[in-house]
Amino acid sequence: MINQKDIGDLKLARPVSILDLWEIDERIARLENVACRLEKVLEAFILLYHEERVKTWEIMLKKMMEKHEKKGNRNESSFRRR
């Protein structure tokens, strides 16, 4: 059987539960904002990784071409001597 104390608890529980829902909504909104910022940071890291990777390959290719050209010059000069 419901007594007066139970009715008082029910009257108090409803506003408290609404406040809990607002707090949960605020937490969800903050987590969504954090997730969006993390996505942006991840996109920036991926872009940076790809750009640096391309730069690294460009440097490696330039070095290889320089070595090949030096080798080619040596081969040509030795060929001319003969």
Protein backbone atom coordinates (compact mmCIF):
# COMPACT_ATOMS: atom_id res chain seq x y z
CA MET A 1 0.00 0.00 0.00
CA ILE A 2 1.25 3.47 -0.88
CA ASN A 3 1.67 5.80 2.05
CA GLN A 4 2.33 9.54 2.25
CA LYS A 5 6.11 9.07 2.28
CA ASP A 6 5.95 7.10 -0.98
CA ILE A 7 3.90 9.85 -2.61
CA GLY A 8 6.47 12.43 -1.43
CA ASP A 9 9.28 10.32 -2.82
CA LEU A 10 7.47 10.05 -6.17
CA LYS A 11 6.97 13.84 -6.30
CA LEU A 12 10.69 14.31 -5.65
CA ALA A 13 11.79 11.56 -8.03
CA ARG A 14 10.22 13.08 -11.13
CA PRO A 15 12.12 16.42 -11.08
CA VAL A 16 15.31 14.64 -10.11
CA SER A 17 14.95 12.25 -13.05
CA ILE A 18 14.45 15.22 -15.41
CA LEU A 19 17.64 16.79 -14.06
CA ASP A 20 19.42 13.47 -14.58
CA LEU A 21 18.20 13.41 -18.19
CA TRP A 22 19.47 16.96 -18.75
CA GLU A 23 22.82 15.98 -17.28
CA ILE A 24 22.95 12.89 -19.49
CA ASP A 25 22.08 15.03 -22.54
CA GLU A 26 24.89 17.45 -21.64
CA ARG A 27 27.34 14.58 -21.26
CA ILE A 28 26.29 13.13 -24.62
CA ALA A 29 26.69 16.55 -26.27
CA ARG A 30 30.19 16.90 -24.77
CA LEU A 31 31.13 13.41 -25.94
CA GLU A 32 29.84 14.20 -29.43
CA ASN A 33 31.99 17.36 -29.48
CA VAL A 34 35.02 15.40 -28.33
CA ALA A 35 34.39 12.80 -31.03
CA CYS A 36 34.16 15.53 -33.71
CA ARG A 37 37.42 17.09 -32.54
CA LEU A 38 39.12 13.69 -32.52
CA GLU A 39 37.91 13.06 -36.08
CA LYS A 40 39.42 16.39 -37.18
CA VAL A 41 42.70 15.60 -35.45
CA LEU A 42 42.79 12.16 -37.05
CA GLU A 43 42.11 13.64 -40.48
CA ALA A 44 44.96 16.11 -39.93
CA PHE A 45 47.33 13.30 -38.91
CA ILE A 46 46.38 11.24 -41.95
CA LEU A 47 46.92 14.21 -44.26
CA LEU A 48 50.25 14.98 -42.62
CA TYR A 49 51.31 11.33 -42.87
CA HIS A 50 50.49 11.19 -46.58
CA GLU A 51 52.23 14.50 -47.31
CA GLU A 52 55.36 13.49 -45.41
CA ARG A 53 55.32 10.09 -47.06
CA VAL A 54 55.20 11.73 -50.48
CA LYS A 55 58.05 14.06 -49.51
CA THR A 56 60.10 11.10 -48.32
CA TRP A 57 59.54 9.26 -51.60
CA GLU A 58 60.44 12.38 -53.56
CA ILE A 59 63.69 12.71 -51.63
CA MET A 60 64.50 9.05 -52.15
CA LEU A 61 63.79 9.26 -55.88
CA LYS A 62 65.94 12.38 -56.25
CA LYS A 63 68.83 10.64 -54.49
CA MET A 64 68.41 7.58 -56.72
CA MET A 65 68.34 9.78 -59.83
CA GLU A 66 71.45 11.66 -58.69
CA LYS A 67 73.28 8.36 -58.14
CA HIS A 68 72.10 7.09 -61.52
CA GLU A 69 73.22 10.29 -63.25
CA LYS A 70 76.65 10.12 -61.57
CA LYS A 71 76.93 6.49 -62.58
CA GLY A 72 75.87 7.39 -66.10
CA ASN A 73 78.47 10.14 -66.29
CA ARG A 74 81.19 7.78 -65.11
CA ASN A 75 80.16 5.15 -67.65
CA GLU A 76 80.09 7.71 -70.46
CA SER A 77 83.50 9.13 -69.56
CA SER A 78 85.04 5.67 -69.37
CA PHE A 79 83.42 4.82 -72.71
CA ARG A 80 84.88 7.94 -74.35
CA ARG A 81 88.39 7.04 -73.19
CA ARG A 82 88.29 3.75 -75.06
